[in-house]
């Protein structure tokens, strides 16, 4: 698990003076309730507000470009600039979002980056989306792919499970869908989100997580008030199963109405990481148990930085040559 301090630079904007970033590693302490960060590596020019981790590789976006970094080999590569279709510059009142996804095909051991460019013209009620794929290999290039599903705006969640990328999106203000992208075949599929959730996702805290090797929606709307979490799991055939988890009264003191908790990922033991700024809360889904972990640093210098983000690493290390 790492904490990345970086200069804010999203996937669209270009910063004039990108700063260096520091990779801080989380190491267990002798106490069960405290963890500490140590400076692991300083990376000149690395950063960006949008970062993904997959099988030991980091995808990050800085200065409008997608980059891959391998912490094991300490190599990085900047991908070619994606072709631009200037639709949004021709229409007034048009909002554009650019989101990157990182996928791996276990059959051919191939990594691909999926880029979705979504535009929304509010006055016309018009939605358009472009879909681009980049294969991480020598001589790779951006390729625009077809999309036969309904145009949509991606919202939360970026998972890759067994060669399939999953994310949540809305096709309209009241219609949310789960979108899947098969990394090998480069085919999309849409699954309707349960109606009970469609009216809640936009205005309530939700997490999109992997649970038992399946995509799941972690609804924490009533966690603070009632100690209750609803877990919606996508089963085979596009069906959803659901179960409610309720904390024990003795665990409610770990929650605080003044502290907003955000889902920051899951561990390999199906623990959901809920994190505000300076601590972690581990929610054990299988045990229905909540544990608070105080996070500190060898120096308080890092918590004073305005732009920092938490990234949950898996145990994989990659020897892929970039």
C-alpha atoms as a PDB file:
ATOM      1  CA  UNK A   1       0.000   0.000   0.000  1.00  0.00           C
ATOM      2  CA  UNK A   2       1.382   3.413  -0.836  1.00  0.00           C
ATOM      3  CA  UNK A   3       0.689   7.082  -0.417  1.00  0.00           C
ATOM      4  CA  UNK A   4       1.437   9.203  -3.441  1.00  0.00           C
ATOM      5  CA  UNK A   5       2.095  12.899  -2.967  1.00  0.00           C
ATOM      6  CA  UNK A   6       1.702  14.584  -6.315  1.00  0.00           C
ATOM      7  CA  UNK A   7       1.004  17.790  -8.108  1.00  0.00           C
ATOM      8  CA  UNK A   8      -2.629  17.909  -9.181  1.00  0.00           C
ATOM      9  CA  UNK A   9      -2.803  17.410 -12.919  1.00  0.00           C
ATOM     10  CA  UNK A  10      -5.866  15.708 -14.350  1.00  0.00           C
ATOM     11  CA  UNK A  11      -6.323  13.829 -17.592  1.00  0.00           C
ATOM     12  CA  UNK A  12      -7.310  16.917 -19.577  1.00  0.00           C
ATOM     13  CA  UNK A  13      -5.373  19.860 -18.203  1.00  0.00           C
ATOM     14  CA  UNK A  14      -1.696  20.542 -18.766  1.00  0.00           C
ATOM     15  CA  UNK A  15       0.408  21.827 -15.887  1.00  0.00           C
ATOM     16  CA  UNK A  16       3.215  24.221 -16.724  1.00  0.00           C
ATOM     17  CA  UNK A  17       5.640  23.037 -14.053  1.00  0.00           C
ATOM     18  CA  UNK A  18       5.099  19.430 -12.940  1.00  0.00           C
ATOM     19  CA  UNK A  19       6.795  18.686  -9.643  1.00  0.00           C
ATOM     20  CA  UNK A  20       8.517  15.595  -8.387  1.00  0.00           C
ATOM     21  CA  UNK A  21       6.520  13.003  -6.461  1.00  0.00           C
ATOM     22  CA  UNK A  22       7.325  10.730  -3.581  1.00  0.00           C
ATOM     23  CA  UNK A  23       6.272   7.100  -3.233  1.00  0.00           C
ATOM     24  CA  UNK A  24       5.677   6.302   0.439  1.00  0.00           C
ATOM     25  CA  UNK A  25       5.445   2.648   1.495  1.00  0.00           C
ATOM     26  CA  UNK A  26       3.238   1.415   4.321  1.00  0.00           C
ATOM     27  CA  UNK A  27       4.941  -0.969   6.716  1.00  0.00           C
ATOM     28  CA  UNK A  28       3.354  -2.752   9.649  1.00  0.00           C
ATOM     29  CA  UNK A  29       4.403  -1.671  13.108  1.00  0.00           C
ATOM     30  CA  UNK A  30       4.509  -3.663  16.299  1.00  0.00           C
ATOM     31  CA  UNK A  31       1.063  -2.365  17.213  1.00  0.00           C
ATOM     32  CA  UNK A  32      -2.083  -3.869  15.717  1.00  0.00           C
ATOM     33  CA  UNK A  33      -3.736  -0.444  15.492  1.00  0.00           C
ATOM     34  CA  UNK A  34      -0.981   1.655  13.971  1.00  0.00           C
ATOM     35  CA  UNK A  35       0.824   1.714  10.658  1.00  0.00           C
ATOM     36  CA  UNK A  36       3.613   3.954   9.414  1.00  0.00           C
ATOM     37  CA  UNK A  37       4.724   5.300   6.051  1.00  0.00           C
ATOM     38  CA  UNK A  38       8.353   5.540   4.989  1.00  0.00           C
ATOM     39  CA  UNK A  39       9.821   7.285   1.973  1.00  0.00           C
ATOM     40  CA  UNK A  40      10.497   4.598  -0.612  1.00  0.00           C
ATOM     41  CA  UNK A  41      11.308   6.432  -3.816  1.00  0.00           C
ATOM     42  CA  UNK A  42      11.410   9.911  -5.307  1.00  0.00           C
ATOM     43  CA  UNK A  43      10.283  10.180  -8.934  1.00  0.00           C
ATOM     44  CA  UNK A  44      11.030  13.297 -10.928  1.00  0.00           C
ATOM     45  CA  UNK A  45       8.062  14.438 -12.997  1.00  0.00           C
ATOM     46  CA  UNK A  46       5.766  11.627 -11.895  1.00  0.00           C
ATOM     47  CA  UNK A  47       2.359  12.568 -10.619  1.00  0.00           C
ATOM     48  CA  UNK A  48      -1.120  13.245 -11.805  1.00  0.00           C
ATOM     49  CA  UNK A  49      -4.424  13.132  -9.988  1.00  0.00           C
ATOM     50  CA  UNK A  50      -5.573   9.942 -11.711  1.00  0.00           C
ATOM     51  CA  UNK A  51      -3.669   6.757 -10.855  1.00  0.00           C
ATOM     52  CA  UNK A  52      -4.336   3.015 -11.201  1.00  0.00           C
ATOM     53  CA  UNK A  53      -2.427  -0.049 -10.024  1.00  0.00           C
ATOM     54  CA  UNK A  54      -2.582  -3.432 -11.765  1.00  0.00           C
ATOM     55  CA  UNK A  55      -0.362  -6.475 -11.196  1.00  0.00           C
ATOM     56  CA  UNK A  56       2.561  -4.412  -9.917  1.00  0.00           C
ATOM     57  CA  UNK A  57       2.331  -1.664 -12.565  1.00  0.00           C
ATOM     58  CA  UNK A  58       1.089   1.909 -12.077  1.00  0.00           C
ATOM     59  CA  UNK A  59      -0.870   3.803 -14.714  1.00  0.00           C
ATOM     60  CA  UNK A  60      -0.887   7.533 -14.070  1.00  0.00           C
ATOM     61  CA  UNK A  61      -1.976  10.588 -16.023  1.00  0.00           C
ATOM     62  CA  UNK A  62       0.103  13.757 -15.957  1.00  0.00           C
ATOM     63  CA  UNK A  63       0.247  16.735 -18.304  1.00  0.00           C
ATOM     64  CA  UNK A  64      -2.544  15.183 -20.356  1.00  0.00           C
ATOM     65  CA  UNK A  65      -0.527  12.035 -21.115  1.00  0.00           C
ATOM     66  CA  UNK A  66      -0.875   8.426 -19.968  1.00  0.00           C
ATOM     67  CA  UNK A  67       2.249   6.908 -18.408  1.00  0.00           C
ATOM     68  CA  UNK A  68       3.186   3.490 -17.031  1.00  0.00           C
ATOM     69  CA  UNK A  69       5.599   3.031 -14.130  1.00  0.00           C
ATOM     70  CA  UNK A  70       7.089  -0.216 -12.807  1.00  0.00           C
ATOM     71  CA  UNK A  71       8.183   0.186  -9.157  1.00  0.00           C
ATOM     72  CA  UNK A  72      10.114  -3.100  -9.297  1.00  0.00           C
ATOM     73  CA  UNK A  73      12.363  -2.160 -12.216  1.00  0.00           C
ATOM     74  CA  UNK A  74      11.918   1.612 -11.693  1.00  0.00           C
ATOM     75  CA  UNK A  75      11.238   2.025 -15.389  1.00  0.00           C
ATOM     76  CA  UNK A  76       8.587   4.296 -16.849  1.00  0.00           C
ATOM     77  CA  UNK A  77       7.177   4.912 -20.290  1.00  0.00           C
ATOM     78  CA  UNK A  78       4.990   7.704 -21.639  1.00  0.00           C
ATOM     79  CA  UNK A  79       2.375   6.544 -24.119  1.00  0.00           C
ATOM     80  CA  UNK A  80       1.884   8.380 -27.421  1.00  0.00           C
ATOM     81  CA  UNK A  81      -0.658  11.175 -27.434  1.00  0.00           C
ATOM     82  CA  UNK A  82      -4.103   9.884 -28.299  1.00  0.00           C
ATOM     83  CA  UNK A  83      -5.715  11.359 -31.459  1.00  0.00           C
ATOM     84  CA  UNK A  84      -8.162  14.126 -30.598  1.00  0.00           C
ATOM     85  CA  UNK A  85     -11.618  14.616 -32.071  1.00  0.00           C
ATOM     86  CA  UNK A  86     -12.484  18.236 -31.392  1.00  0.00           C
ATOM     87  CA  UNK A  87     -16.222  17.771 -31.032  1.00  0.00           C
ATOM     88  CA  UNK A  88     -16.357  19.565 -27.692  1.00  0.00           C
ATOM     89  CA  UNK A  89     -14.702  22.668 -29.155  1.00  0.00           C
ATOM     90  CA  UNK A  90     -17.440  23.063 -31.758  1.00  0.00           C
ATOM     91  CA  UNK A  91     -20.417  23.032 -29.404  1.00  0.00           C
ATOM     92  CA  UNK A  92     -21.032  25.520 -26.603  1.00  0.00           C
ATOM     93  CA  UNK A  93     -22.081  24.169 -23.227  1.00  0.00           C
ATOM     94  CA  UNK A  94     -20.344  20.864 -23.851  1.00  0.00           C
ATOM     95  CA  UNK A  95     -18.669  19.041 -20.961  1.00  0.00           C
ATOM     96  CA  UNK A  96     -15.932  16.535 -21.734  1.00  0.00           C
ATOM     97  CA  UNK A  97     -14.412  13.862 -19.534  1.00  0.00           C
ATOM     98  CA  UNK A  98     -11.465  11.601 -20.295  1.00  0.00           C
ATOM     99  CA  UNK A  99     -11.009   8.468 -18.189  1.00  0.00           C
ATOM    100  CA  UNK A 100      -8.380   5.752 -18.504  1.00  0.00           C
ATOM    101  CA  UNK A 101      -8.708   2.084 -17.523  1.00  0.00           C
ATOM    102  CA  UNK A 102      -5.971  -0.521 -17.119  1.00  0.00           C
ATOM    103  CA  UNK A 103      -6.607  -4.135 -18.096  1.00  0.00           C
ATOM    104  CA  UNK A 104      -4.752  -7.434 -18.377  1.00  0.00           C
ATOM    105  CA  UNK A 105      -5.555 -10.470 -20.510  1.00  0.00           C
ATOM    106  CA  UNK A 106      -4.379 -13.562 -18.583  1.00  0.00           C
ATOM    107  CA  UNK A 107      -4.573 -15.819 -21.655  1.00  0.00           C
ATOM    108  CA  UNK A 108      -2.009 -13.926 -23.755  1.00  0.00           C
ATOM    109  CA  UNK A 109      -0.436 -12.092 -20.777  1.00  0.00           C
ATOM    110  CA  UNK A 110      -1.150  -8.792 -22.499  1.00  0.00           C
ATOM    111  CA  UNK A 111      -1.762  -5.360 -20.960  1.00  0.00           C
ATOM    112  CA  UNK A 112      -4.125  -2.861 -22.540  1.00  0.00           C
ATOM    113  CA  UNK A 113      -5.115   0.704 -21.698  1.00  0.00           C
ATOM    114  CA  UNK A 114      -8.700   1.703 -22.431  1.00  0.00           C
ATOM    115  CA  UNK A 115      -9.471   5.404 -22.856  1.00  0.00           C
ATOM    116  CA  UNK A 116     -13.054   6.684 -22.895  1.00  0.00           C
ATOM    117  CA  UNK A 117     -13.781  10.234 -24.003  1.00  0.00           C
ATOM    118  CA  UNK A 118     -17.320  11.269 -23.054  1.00  0.00           C
ATOM    119  CA  UNK A 119     -19.093  14.478 -24.027  1.00  0.00           C
ATOM    120  CA  UNK A 120     -22.350  15.841 -22.702  1.00  0.00           C
ATOM    121  CA  UNK A 121     -24.263  18.714 -24.305  1.00  0.00           C
ATOM    122  CA  UNK A 122     -26.714  19.655 -21.575  1.00  0.00           C
ATOM    123  CA  UNK A 123     -28.908  21.934 -23.683  1.00  0.00           C
ATOM    124  CA  UNK A 124     -29.417  19.273 -26.349  1.00  0.00           C
ATOM    125  CA  UNK A 125     -29.468  16.283 -24.019  1.00  0.00           C
ATOM    126  CA  UNK A 126     -26.804  14.780 -26.277  1.00  0.00           C
ATOM    127  CA  UNK A 127     -24.236  12.236 -25.115  1.00  0.00           C
ATOM    128  CA  UNK A 128     -21.396  10.920 -27.205  1.00  0.00           C
ATOM    129  CA  UNK A 129     -18.425   8.748 -26.355  1.00  0.00           C
ATOM    130  CA  UNK A 130     -15.225   7.650 -28.071  1.00  0.00           C
ATOM    131  CA  UNK A 131     -13.375   4.482 -27.119  1.00  0.00           C
ATOM    132  CA  UNK A 132      -9.656   3.970 -27.669  1.00  0.00           C
ATOM    133  CA  UNK A 133      -7.366   1.031 -26.868  1.00  0.00           C
ATOM    134  CA  UNK A 134      -3.591   0.923 -26.525  1.00  0.00           C
ATOM    135  CA  UNK A 135      -1.706  -2.391 -26.331  1.00  0.00           C
ATOM    136  CA  UNK A 136       1.312  -2.101 -24.049  1.00  0.00           C
ATOM    137  CA  UNK A 137       3.991  -3.491 -26.346  1.00  0.00           C
ATOM    138  CA  UNK A 138       6.792  -2.316 -28.576  1.00  0.00           C
ATOM    139  CA  UNK A 139       5.376  -0.182 -31.374  1.00  0.00           C
ATOM    140  CA  UNK A 140       2.018   0.162 -29.638  1.00  0.00           C
ATOM    141  CA  UNK A 141      -0.452   2.784 -30.842  1.00  0.00           C
ATOM    142  CA  UNK A 142      -3.926   4.104 -30.013  1.00  0.00           C
ATOM    143  CA  UNK A 143      -6.706   2.352 -31.910  1.00  0.00           C
ATOM    144  CA  UNK A 144     -10.288   3.569 -31.933  1.00  0.00           C
ATOM    145  CA  UNK A 145     -12.753   0.726 -31.419  1.00  0.00           C
ATOM    146  CA  UNK A 146     -16.445   0.395 -32.105  1.00  0.00           C
ATOM    147  CA  UNK A 147     -19.094   0.699 -29.429  1.00  0.00           C
ATOM    148  CA  UNK A 148     -22.550  -0.795 -29.995  1.00  0.00           C
ATOM    149  CA  UNK A 149     -23.997   0.026 -26.574  1.00  0.00           C
ATOM    150  CA  UNK A 150     -25.770   3.153 -25.382  1.00  0.00           C
ATOM    151  CA  UNK A 151     -23.565   6.271 -25.004  1.00  0.00           C
ATOM    152  CA  UNK A 152     -22.786   6.840 -21.343  1.00  0.00           C
ATOM    153  CA  UNK A 153     -20.760   8.877 -18.875  1.00  0.00           C
ATOM    154  CA  UNK A 154     -18.409   6.792 -16.664  1.00  0.00           C
ATOM    155  CA  UNK A 155     -18.744   7.547 -12.952  1.00  0.00           C
ATOM    156  CA  UNK A 156     -17.095   5.415 -10.253  1.00  0.00           C
ATOM    157  CA  UNK A 157     -15.074   2.241 -10.182  1.00  0.00           C
ATOM    158  CA  UNK A 158     -12.283   0.814 -12.297  1.00  0.00           C
ATOM    159  CA  UNK A 159     -11.769  -2.892 -11.779  1.00  0.00           C
ATOM    160  CA  UNK A 160     -10.039  -5.574 -13.822  1.00  0.00           C
ATOM    161  CA  UNK A 161     -11.095  -9.099 -12.845  1.00  0.00           C
ATOM    162  CA  UNK A 162     -10.039 -12.183 -14.826  1.00  0.00           C
ATOM    163  CA  UNK A 163      -9.423 -10.259 -18.035  1.00  0.00           C
ATOM    164  CA  UNK A 164     -12.520  -8.044 -17.838  1.00  0.00           C
ATOM    165  CA  UNK A 165     -12.626  -4.331 -16.991  1.00  0.00           C
ATOM    166  CA  UNK A 166     -15.678  -3.147 -15.042  1.00  0.00           C
ATOM    167  CA  UNK A 167     -16.934   0.344 -14.223  1.00  0.00           C
ATOM    168  CA  UNK A 168     -20.176   2.124 -13.356  1.00  0.00           C
ATOM    169  CA  UNK A 169     -21.700   4.748 -15.638  1.00  0.00           C
ATOM    170  CA  UNK A 170     -24.913   6.642 -16.166  1.00  0.00           C
ATOM    171  CA  UNK A 171     -26.811   6.575 -19.426  1.00  0.00           C
ATOM    172  CA  UNK A 172     -29.198   9.211 -18.083  1.00  0.00           C
ATOM    173  CA  UNK A 173     -29.570  11.050 -14.788  1.00  0.00           C
ATOM    174  CA  UNK A 174     -31.803   8.290 -13.428  1.00  0.00           C
ATOM    175  CA  UNK A 175     -30.351   5.266 -15.228  1.00  0.00           C
ATOM    176  CA  UNK A 176     -27.078   3.766 -14.035  1.00  0.00           C
ATOM    177  CA  UNK A 177     -25.408   0.784 -15.688  1.00  0.00           C
ATOM    178  CA  UNK A 178     -22.456  -1.478 -15.096  1.00  0.00           C
ATOM    179  CA  UNK A 179     -20.212  -1.624 -18.157  1.00  0.00           C
ATOM    180  CA  UNK A 180     -17.839  -4.511 -18.819  1.00  0.00           C
ATOM    181  CA  UNK A 181     -15.008  -4.583 -21.358  1.00  0.00           C
ATOM    182  CA  UNK A 182     -13.388  -7.868 -22.343  1.00  0.00           C
ATOM    183  CA  UNK A 183      -9.677  -7.078 -22.640  1.00  0.00           C
ATOM    184  CA  UNK A 184      -8.949  -9.847 -25.166  1.00  0.00           C
ATOM    185  CA  UNK A 185     -11.946  -9.493 -27.512  1.00  0.00           C
ATOM    186  CA  UNK A 186     -12.304  -5.719 -26.940  1.00  0.00           C
ATOM    187  CA  UNK A 187     -16.069  -6.103 -26.672  1.00  0.00           C
ATOM    188  CA  UNK A 188     -18.358  -4.079 -24.388  1.00  0.00           C
ATOM    189  CA  UNK A 189     -21.429  -5.194 -22.495  1.00  0.00           C
ATOM    190  CA  UNK A 190     -23.927  -3.303 -20.325  1.00  0.00           C
ATOM    191  CA  UNK A 191     -25.827  -4.558 -17.290  1.00  0.00           C
ATOM    192  CA  UNK A 192     -28.559  -2.596 -15.554  1.00  0.00           C
ATOM    193  CA  UNK A 193     -27.772  -1.507 -12.004  1.00  0.00           C
ATOM    194  CA  UNK A 194     -30.475  -2.574  -9.495  1.00  0.00           C
ATOM    195  CA  UNK A 195     -33.324  -0.072  -9.444  1.00  0.00           C
ATOM    196  CA  UNK A 196     -32.925   0.298  -5.696  1.00  0.00           C
ATOM    197  CA  UNK A 197     -29.494   1.846  -6.312  1.00  0.00           C
ATOM    198  CA  UNK A 198     -30.103   3.968  -9.412  1.00  0.00           C
ATOM    199  CA  UNK A 199     -31.514   6.837  -7.379  1.00  0.00           C
ATOM    200  CA  UNK A 200     -28.788   6.641  -4.731  1.00  0.00           C
ATOM    201  CA  UNK A 201     -25.476   6.360  -6.574  1.00  0.00           C
ATOM    202  CA  UNK A 202     -25.195   9.990  -7.620  1.00  0.00           C
ATOM    203  CA  UNK A 203     -25.835  11.582  -4.209  1.00  0.00           C
ATOM    204  CA  UNK A 204     -24.655   8.977  -1.713  1.00  0.00           C
ATOM    205  CA  UNK A 205     -21.311   7.409  -0.803  1.00  0.00           C
ATOM    206  CA  UNK A 206     -20.778   4.224  -2.782  1.00  0.00           C
ATOM    207  CA  UNK A 207     -17.811   2.041  -3.520  1.00  0.00           C
ATOM    208  CA  UNK A 208     -17.215  -0.243  -6.492  1.00  0.00           C
ATOM    209  CA  UNK A 209     -15.100  -3.163  -5.326  1.00  0.00           C
ATOM    210  CA  UNK A 210     -14.025  -6.709  -6.080  1.00  0.00           C
ATOM    211  CA  UNK A 211     -15.625  -9.232  -3.740  1.00  0.00           C
ATOM    212  CA  UNK A 212     -14.971 -12.946  -4.087  1.00  0.00           C
ATOM    213  CA  UNK A 213     -13.656 -12.446  -7.623  1.00  0.00           C
ATOM    214  CA  UNK A 214     -16.792 -10.555  -8.680  1.00  0.00           C
ATOM    215  CA  UNK A 215     -17.639  -6.865  -9.100  1.00  0.00           C
ATOM    216  CA  UNK A 216     -19.741  -5.491  -6.257  1.00  0.00           C
ATOM    217  CA  UNK A 217     -21.306  -2.211  -5.151  1.00  0.00           C
ATOM    218  CA  UNK A 218     -20.548  -1.259  -1.545  1.00  0.00           C
ATOM    219  CA  UNK A 219     -23.403   0.980  -0.385  1.00  0.00           C
ATOM    220  CA  UNK A 220     -22.354   2.787   2.791  1.00  0.00           C
ATOM    221  CA  UNK A 221     -25.219   5.291   2.782  1.00  0.00           C
ATOM    222  CA  UNK A 222     -26.286   4.288   6.298  1.00  0.00           C
ATOM    223  CA  UNK A 223     -22.906   3.270   7.707  1.00  0.00           C
ATOM    224  CA  UNK A 224     -22.413   6.300   9.953  1.00  0.00           C
ATOM    225  CA  UNK A 225     -26.010   6.620  11.153  1.00  0.00           C
ATOM    226  CA  UNK A 226     -26.935   2.958  11.552  1.00  0.00           C
ATOM    227  CA  UNK A 227     -23.712   0.973  11.168  1.00  0.00           C
ATOM    228  CA  UNK A 228     -25.277  -0.711   8.138  1.00  0.00           C
ATOM    229  CA  UNK A 229     -23.766  -1.563   4.755  1.00  0.00           C
ATOM    230  CA  UNK A 230     -25.538  -3.079   1.749  1.00  0.00           C
ATOM    231  CA  UNK A 231     -23.419  -5.219  -0.557  1.00  0.00           C
ATOM    232  CA  UNK A 232     -24.644  -5.854  -4.112  1.00  0.00           C
ATOM    233  CA  UNK A 233     -22.697  -8.548  -5.981  1.00  0.00           C
ATOM    234  CA  UNK A 234     -22.905  -9.236  -9.725  1.00  0.00           C
ATOM    235  CA  UNK A 235     -23.503 -12.947 -10.193  1.00  0.00           C
ATOM    236  CA  UNK A 236     -23.533 -15.044 -13.359  1.00  0.00           C
ATOM    237  CA  UNK A 237     -25.988 -14.142 -16.095  1.00  0.00           C
ATOM    238  CA  UNK A 238     -26.138 -10.497 -15.067  1.00  0.00           C
ATOM    239  CA  UNK A 239     -28.164 -11.134 -11.902  1.00  0.00           C
ATOM    240  CA  UNK A 240     -27.492  -9.224  -8.686  1.00  0.00           C
ATOM    241  CA  UNK A 241     -27.416 -10.689  -5.191  1.00  0.00           C
ATOM    242  CA  UNK A 242     -27.555  -8.526  -2.085  1.00  0.00           C
ATOM    243  CA  UNK A 243     -26.954  -8.803   1.617  1.00  0.00           C
ATOM    244  CA  UNK A 244     -26.921  -6.338   4.484  1.00  0.00           C
ATOM    245  CA  UNK A 245     -24.111  -6.169   7.027  1.00  0.00           C
ATOM    246  CA  UNK A 246     -24.643  -4.504  10.399  1.00  0.00           C
ATOM    247  CA  UNK A 247     -21.866  -3.598  12.820  1.00  0.00           C
ATOM    248  CA  UNK A 248     -21.928  -4.723  16.415  1.00  0.00           C
ATOM    249  CA  UNK A 249     -22.856  -1.958  18.910  1.00  0.00           C
ATOM    250  CA  UNK A 250     -19.359  -2.182  20.402  1.00  0.00           C
ATOM    251  CA  UNK A 251     -17.870  -1.146  17.022  1.00  0.00           C
ATOM    252  CA  UNK A 252     -19.989   1.962  16.444  1.00  0.00           C
ATOM    253  CA  UNK A 253     -17.518   4.150  18.346  1.00  0.00           C
ATOM    254  CA  UNK A 254     -15.096   3.715  15.433  1.00  0.00           C
ATOM    255  CA  UNK A 255     -17.378   5.865  13.267  1.00  0.00           C
ATOM    256  CA  UNK A 256     -17.580   9.639  13.419  1.00  0.00           C
ATOM    257  CA  UNK A 257     -20.280  11.768  11.797  1.00  0.00           C
ATOM    258  CA  UNK A 258     -17.776  14.570  11.175  1.00  0.00           C
ATOM    259  CA  UNK A 259     -15.391  12.321   9.221  1.00  0.00           C
ATOM    260  CA  UNK A 260     -16.401  11.289   5.728  1.00  0.00           C
ATOM    261  CA  UNK A 261     -15.120   7.855   4.775  1.00  0.00           C
ATOM    262  CA  UNK A 262     -14.354   6.954   1.165  1.00  0.00           C
ATOM    263  CA  UNK A 263     -13.799   3.489  -0.259  1.00  0.00           C
ATOM    264  CA  UNK A 264     -10.153   3.319  -1.362  1.00  0.00           C
ATOM    265  CA  UNK A 265      -9.940  -0.326  -2.437  1.00  0.00           C
ATOM    266  CA  UNK A 266      -9.968  -3.880  -1.133  1.00  0.00           C
ATOM    267  CA  UNK A 267      -7.358  -6.333   0.052  1.00  0.00           C
ATOM    268  CA  UNK A 268      -6.932  -9.925  -1.070  1.00  0.00           C
ATOM    269  CA  UNK A 269      -8.784 -10.980   2.095  1.00  0.00           C
ATOM    270  CA  UNK A 270     -11.929  -9.064   1.084  1.00  0.00           C
ATOM    271  CA  UNK A 271     -11.235  -6.183   3.449  1.00  0.00           C
ATOM    272  CA  UNK A 272     -12.668  -2.880   2.259  1.00  0.00           C
ATOM    273  CA  UNK A 273     -10.369   0.073   2.942  1.00  0.00           C
ATOM    274  CA  UNK A 274     -12.337   3.112   4.135  1.00  0.00           C
ATOM    275  CA  UNK A 275     -10.112   6.150   4.462  1.00  0.00           C
ATOM    276  CA  UNK A 276     -10.381   9.827   5.336  1.00  0.00           C
ATOM    277  CA  UNK A 277      -7.186  11.873   5.366  1.00  0.00           C
ATOM    278  CA  UNK A 278      -5.124  10.447   8.212  1.00  0.00           C
ATOM    279  CA  UNK A 279      -6.320   6.980   9.067  1.00  0.00           C
ATOM    280  CA  UNK A 280      -7.609   3.761   7.595  1.00  0.00           C
ATOM    281  CA  UNK A 281     -10.636   1.720   8.590  1.00  0.00           C
ATOM    282  CA  UNK A 282     -10.608  -1.899   7.475  1.00  0.00           C
ATOM    283  CA  UNK A 283     -14.073  -3.424   7.007  1.00  0.00           C
ATOM    284  CA  UNK A 284     -13.886  -7.228   6.996  1.00  0.00           C
ATOM    285  CA  UNK A 285     -16.783  -8.258   4.773  1.00  0.00           C
ATOM    286  CA  UNK A 286     -16.566 -11.977   5.481  1.00  0.00           C
ATOM    287  CA  UNK A 287     -16.354 -11.395   9.244  1.00  0.00           C
ATOM    288  CA  UNK A 288     -18.622  -8.309   9.265  1.00  0.00           C
ATOM    289  CA  UNK A 289     -16.025  -6.562  11.408  1.00  0.00           C
ATOM    290  CA  UNK A 290     -14.606  -3.026  11.430  1.00  0.00           C
ATOM    291  CA  UNK A 291     -11.040  -2.208  12.493  1.00  0.00           C
ATOM    292  CA  UNK A 292      -9.501   1.247  12.748  1.00  0.00           C
ATOM    293  CA  UNK A 293      -5.861   1.729  11.760  1.00  0.00           C
ATOM    294  CA  UNK A 294      -4.075   4.956  12.636  1.00  0.00           C
ATOM    295  CA  UNK A 295      -1.625   6.004   9.954  1.00  0.00           C
ATOM    296  CA  UNK A 296       1.484   8.002  10.677  1.00  0.00           C
ATOM    297  CA  UNK A 297       4.674   8.981   8.897  1.00  0.00           C
ATOM    298  CA  UNK A 298       8.292   9.085   9.906  1.00  0.00           C
ATOM    299  CA  UNK A 299       7.831  12.826   9.396  1.00  0.00           C
ATOM    300  CA  UNK A 300       4.665  14.951   9.597  1.00  0.00           C
ATOM    301  CA  UNK A 301       6.046  16.812   6.591  1.00  0.00           C
ATOM    302  CA  UNK A 302       4.024  14.682   4.163  1.00  0.00           C
ATOM    303  CA  UNK A 303       0.586  15.204   5.685  1.00  0.00           C
ATOM    304  CA  UNK A 304       1.003  18.938   5.185  1.00  0.00           C
ATOM    305  CA  UNK A 305       1.103  18.529   1.426  1.00  0.00           C
ATOM    306  CA  UNK A 306      -2.017  19.770  -0.401  1.00  0.00           C
ATOM    307  CA  UNK A 307      -2.109  17.004  -2.995  1.00  0.00           C
ATOM    308  CA  UNK A 308      -1.829  13.444  -1.755  1.00  0.00           C
ATOM    309  CA  UNK A 309      -3.605  10.233  -2.609  1.00  0.00           C
ATOM    310  CA  UNK A 310      -3.816   6.689  -1.283  1.00  0.00           C
ATOM    311  CA  UNK A 311      -3.169   3.771  -3.609  1.00  0.00           C
ATOM    312  CA  UNK A 312      -3.734   0.175  -2.589  1.00  0.00           C
ATOM    313  CA  UNK A 313      -1.097  -2.139  -4.069  1.00  0.00           C
ATOM    314  CA  UNK A 314      -1.548  -5.858  -4.495  1.00  0.00           C
ATOM    315  CA  UNK A 315       1.256  -8.258  -3.639  1.00  0.00           C
ATOM    316  CA  UNK A 316       2.308  -8.691  -7.253  1.00  0.00           C
ATOM    317  CA  UNK A 317       5.627  -7.490  -8.555  1.00  0.00           C
ATOM    318  CA  UNK A 318       6.183  -7.127 -12.278  1.00  0.00           C
ATOM    319  CA  UNK A 319       9.432  -7.721 -14.138  1.00  0.00           C
ATOM    320  CA  UNK A 320       7.879  -6.426 -17.356  1.00  0.00           C
ATOM    321  CA  UNK A 321      10.411  -4.379 -19.302  1.00  0.00           C
ATOM    322  CA  UNK A 322       8.923  -1.043 -20.341  1.00  0.00           C
END
